[in-house]
N, C-alpha and C. Protein backbone atom coordinates (compact mmCIF):
# COMPACT_ATOMS: atom_id res chain seq x y z
N UNK A 1 -19.06 -30.91 -4.08
CA UNK A 1 -19.93 -29.84 -3.66
C UNK A 1 -20.51 -30.10 -2.27
N UNK A 2 -20.38 -31.30 -1.75
CA UNK A 2 -20.91 -31.58 -0.42
C UNK A 2 -20.27 -30.69 0.64
N UNK A 3 -19.05 -30.29 0.42
CA UNK A 3 -18.37 -29.44 1.41
C UNK A 3 -19.09 -28.11 1.58
N UNK A 4 -19.74 -27.63 0.57
CA UNK A 4 -20.48 -26.38 0.67
C UNK A 4 -21.79 -26.56 1.43
N UNK A 5 -22.37 -27.73 1.32
CA UNK A 5 -23.64 -28.02 1.99
C UNK A 5 -23.42 -28.38 3.45
N UNK A 6 -22.36 -29.17 3.72
CA UNK A 6 -22.08 -29.64 5.08
C UNK A 6 -20.58 -29.57 5.33
N UNK A 7 -20.06 -28.38 5.68
CA UNK A 7 -18.61 -28.22 5.82
C UNK A 7 -18.01 -28.85 7.07
N UNK A 8 -18.80 -29.12 8.10
CA UNK A 8 -18.26 -29.59 9.38
C UNK A 8 -17.35 -30.82 9.25
N UNK A 9 -17.70 -31.86 8.50
CA UNK A 9 -16.82 -33.03 8.42
C UNK A 9 -15.49 -32.75 7.71
N UNK A 10 -15.38 -31.62 7.07
CA UNK A 10 -14.19 -31.30 6.29
C UNK A 10 -13.21 -30.37 7.01
N UNK A 11 -13.57 -29.93 8.21
CA UNK A 11 -12.71 -29.02 8.97
C UNK A 11 -11.38 -29.71 9.26
N UNK A 12 -10.29 -28.99 9.03
CA UNK A 12 -8.91 -29.46 9.26
C UNK A 12 -8.47 -30.55 8.30
N UNK A 13 -9.19 -30.75 7.23
CA UNK A 13 -8.78 -31.73 6.23
C UNK A 13 -8.27 -31.00 4.99
N UNK A 14 -7.45 -31.68 4.23
CA UNK A 14 -7.00 -31.10 2.96
C UNK A 14 -7.25 -32.13 1.87
N UNK A 15 -7.44 -31.64 0.67
CA UNK A 15 -7.76 -32.49 -0.46
C UNK A 15 -6.91 -32.10 -1.65
N UNK A 16 -6.49 -33.09 -2.41
CA UNK A 16 -5.78 -32.83 -3.65
C UNK A 16 -6.82 -32.53 -4.72
N UNK A 17 -6.76 -31.33 -5.26
CA UNK A 17 -7.70 -30.95 -6.30
C UNK A 17 -7.20 -31.48 -7.63
N UNK A 18 -8.06 -32.07 -8.38
CA UNK A 18 -7.67 -32.65 -9.66
C UNK A 18 -8.53 -32.08 -10.77
N UNK A 19 -8.02 -32.21 -11.96
CA UNK A 19 -8.75 -31.74 -13.13
C UNK A 19 -8.11 -32.29 -14.38
N UNK A 20 -8.48 -31.79 -15.52
CA UNK A 20 -7.97 -32.33 -16.77
C UNK A 20 -6.49 -32.04 -17.02
N UNK A 21 -5.92 -31.06 -16.30
CA UNK A 21 -4.51 -30.76 -16.47
C UNK A 21 -3.89 -30.29 -15.16
N UNK A 22 -2.60 -30.55 -15.00
CA UNK A 22 -1.88 -30.14 -13.82
C UNK A 22 -1.52 -28.66 -13.93
N UNK A 23 -1.83 -27.88 -12.88
CA UNK A 23 -1.55 -26.45 -12.91
C UNK A 23 -0.89 -26.02 -11.62
N UNK A 24 -0.06 -25.01 -11.73
CA UNK A 24 0.47 -24.34 -10.55
C UNK A 24 -0.23 -22.99 -10.45
N UNK A 25 0.16 -22.20 -9.49
CA UNK A 25 -0.51 -20.92 -9.28
C UNK A 25 -0.32 -19.97 -10.47
N UNK A 26 0.81 -20.07 -11.15
CA UNK A 26 1.04 -19.24 -12.34
C UNK A 26 0.05 -19.62 -13.43
N UNK A 27 -0.24 -20.91 -13.55
CA UNK A 27 -1.23 -21.37 -14.54
C UNK A 27 -2.62 -20.85 -14.23
N UNK A 28 -2.98 -20.85 -12.95
CA UNK A 28 -4.28 -20.29 -12.57
C UNK A 28 -4.34 -18.80 -12.88
N UNK A 29 -3.25 -18.08 -12.64
CA UNK A 29 -3.21 -16.66 -12.97
C UNK A 29 -3.43 -16.44 -14.46
N UNK A 30 -2.82 -17.28 -15.28
CA UNK A 30 -3.03 -17.18 -16.73
C UNK A 30 -4.49 -17.40 -17.09
N UNK A 31 -5.11 -18.40 -16.47
CA UNK A 31 -6.53 -18.67 -16.74
C UNK A 31 -7.42 -17.50 -16.34
N UNK A 32 -7.16 -16.95 -15.15
CA UNK A 32 -7.94 -15.78 -14.70
C UNK A 32 -7.73 -14.62 -15.67
N UNK A 33 -6.49 -14.40 -16.09
CA UNK A 33 -6.20 -13.32 -17.01
C UNK A 33 -6.93 -13.48 -18.33
N UNK A 34 -6.96 -14.73 -18.83
CA UNK A 34 -7.67 -14.98 -20.09
C UNK A 34 -9.16 -14.71 -19.92
N UNK A 35 -9.74 -15.11 -18.80
CA UNK A 35 -11.16 -14.90 -18.57
C UNK A 35 -11.50 -13.42 -18.38
N UNK A 36 -10.58 -12.68 -17.76
CA UNK A 36 -10.82 -11.27 -17.49
C UNK A 36 -10.39 -10.35 -18.62
N UNK A 37 -9.62 -10.90 -19.56
CA UNK A 37 -9.16 -10.09 -20.68
C UNK A 37 -8.06 -9.11 -20.31
N UNK A 38 -7.29 -9.45 -19.29
CA UNK A 38 -6.17 -8.59 -18.86
C UNK A 38 -5.11 -9.46 -18.21
N UNK A 39 -3.94 -8.88 -18.03
CA UNK A 39 -2.85 -9.62 -17.39
C UNK A 39 -3.13 -9.81 -15.90
N UNK A 40 -2.92 -11.02 -15.43
CA UNK A 40 -3.01 -11.34 -14.00
C UNK A 40 -1.74 -12.09 -13.65
N UNK A 41 -1.07 -11.68 -12.61
CA UNK A 41 0.18 -12.32 -12.21
C UNK A 41 0.04 -12.92 -10.82
N UNK A 42 0.62 -14.08 -10.64
CA UNK A 42 0.70 -14.70 -9.32
C UNK A 42 1.98 -14.21 -8.65
N UNK A 43 1.85 -13.73 -7.43
CA UNK A 43 3.00 -13.29 -6.66
C UNK A 43 3.03 -14.11 -5.38
N UNK A 44 4.06 -14.91 -5.23
CA UNK A 44 4.17 -15.76 -4.04
C UNK A 44 4.35 -14.91 -2.79
N UNK A 45 3.76 -15.35 -1.70
CA UNK A 45 3.88 -14.65 -0.43
C UNK A 45 4.12 -15.72 0.64
N UNK A 46 5.10 -15.48 1.51
CA UNK A 46 5.38 -16.49 2.53
C UNK A 46 4.22 -16.55 3.52
N UNK A 47 4.07 -17.69 4.16
CA UNK A 47 2.93 -17.95 5.03
C UNK A 47 2.85 -16.95 6.18
N UNK A 48 3.97 -16.60 6.77
CA UNK A 48 3.95 -15.67 7.90
C UNK A 48 3.40 -14.30 7.49
N UNK A 49 3.84 -13.80 6.34
CA UNK A 49 3.34 -12.51 5.85
C UNK A 49 1.87 -12.59 5.54
N UNK A 50 1.44 -13.68 4.92
CA UNK A 50 0.03 -13.87 4.57
C UNK A 50 -0.82 -13.88 5.83
N UNK A 51 -0.37 -14.63 6.85
CA UNK A 51 -1.12 -14.67 8.11
C UNK A 51 -1.22 -13.30 8.75
N UNK A 52 -0.13 -12.55 8.77
CA UNK A 52 -0.15 -11.21 9.36
C UNK A 52 -1.09 -10.29 8.59
N UNK A 53 -1.03 -10.37 7.27
CA UNK A 53 -1.81 -9.46 6.42
C UNK A 53 -3.30 -9.78 6.44
N UNK A 54 -3.65 -11.06 6.38
CA UNK A 54 -5.05 -11.43 6.22
C UNK A 54 -5.67 -12.07 7.45
N UNK A 55 -5.07 -13.11 7.99
CA UNK A 55 -5.69 -13.86 9.08
C UNK A 55 -5.71 -13.06 10.37
N UNK A 56 -4.56 -12.58 10.80
CA UNK A 56 -4.51 -11.85 12.07
C UNK A 56 -5.35 -10.57 12.02
N UNK A 57 -5.33 -9.88 10.90
CA UNK A 57 -6.14 -8.67 10.76
C UNK A 57 -7.63 -9.01 10.82
N UNK A 58 -8.04 -10.07 10.15
CA UNK A 58 -9.44 -10.48 10.17
C UNK A 58 -9.87 -10.85 11.58
N UNK A 59 -9.04 -11.65 12.27
CA UNK A 59 -9.38 -12.06 13.62
C UNK A 59 -9.48 -10.86 14.56
N UNK A 60 -8.56 -9.92 14.43
CA UNK A 60 -8.59 -8.71 15.26
C UNK A 60 -9.85 -7.89 14.97
N UNK A 61 -10.20 -7.75 13.71
CA UNK A 61 -11.36 -6.94 13.32
C UNK A 61 -12.68 -7.61 13.68
N UNK A 62 -12.69 -8.94 13.82
CA UNK A 62 -13.93 -9.68 14.03
C UNK A 62 -13.96 -10.47 15.33
N UNK A 63 -13.06 -10.16 16.26
CA UNK A 63 -12.96 -10.91 17.51
C UNK A 63 -14.29 -10.98 18.27
N UNK A 64 -14.97 -9.87 18.41
CA UNK A 64 -16.24 -9.86 19.15
C UNK A 64 -17.30 -10.70 18.44
N UNK A 65 -17.41 -10.55 17.13
CA UNK A 65 -18.41 -11.30 16.37
C UNK A 65 -18.12 -12.79 16.42
N UNK A 66 -16.85 -13.18 16.36
CA UNK A 66 -16.48 -14.58 16.33
C UNK A 66 -16.62 -15.25 17.70
N UNK A 67 -16.61 -14.48 18.77
CA UNK A 67 -16.68 -15.07 20.11
C UNK A 67 -18.09 -15.33 20.58
N UNK A 68 -19.10 -14.91 19.83
CA UNK A 68 -20.49 -15.14 20.24
C UNK A 68 -21.07 -16.35 19.61
């Protein structure tokens, strides 16, 4: 939880998340579905498409706010 309090030391780092069982994204979708009481499916998306859809659009929409 320290990352939420002081995120600066964690910039550009990655961490292996661990827990009581090994899961892939399909497993997480199953868990979300069980919690929500409906079917949830994981659909893989290549990094380039994801960047175009989410990152580039966000940066374009928030360029002025992010530059101040």
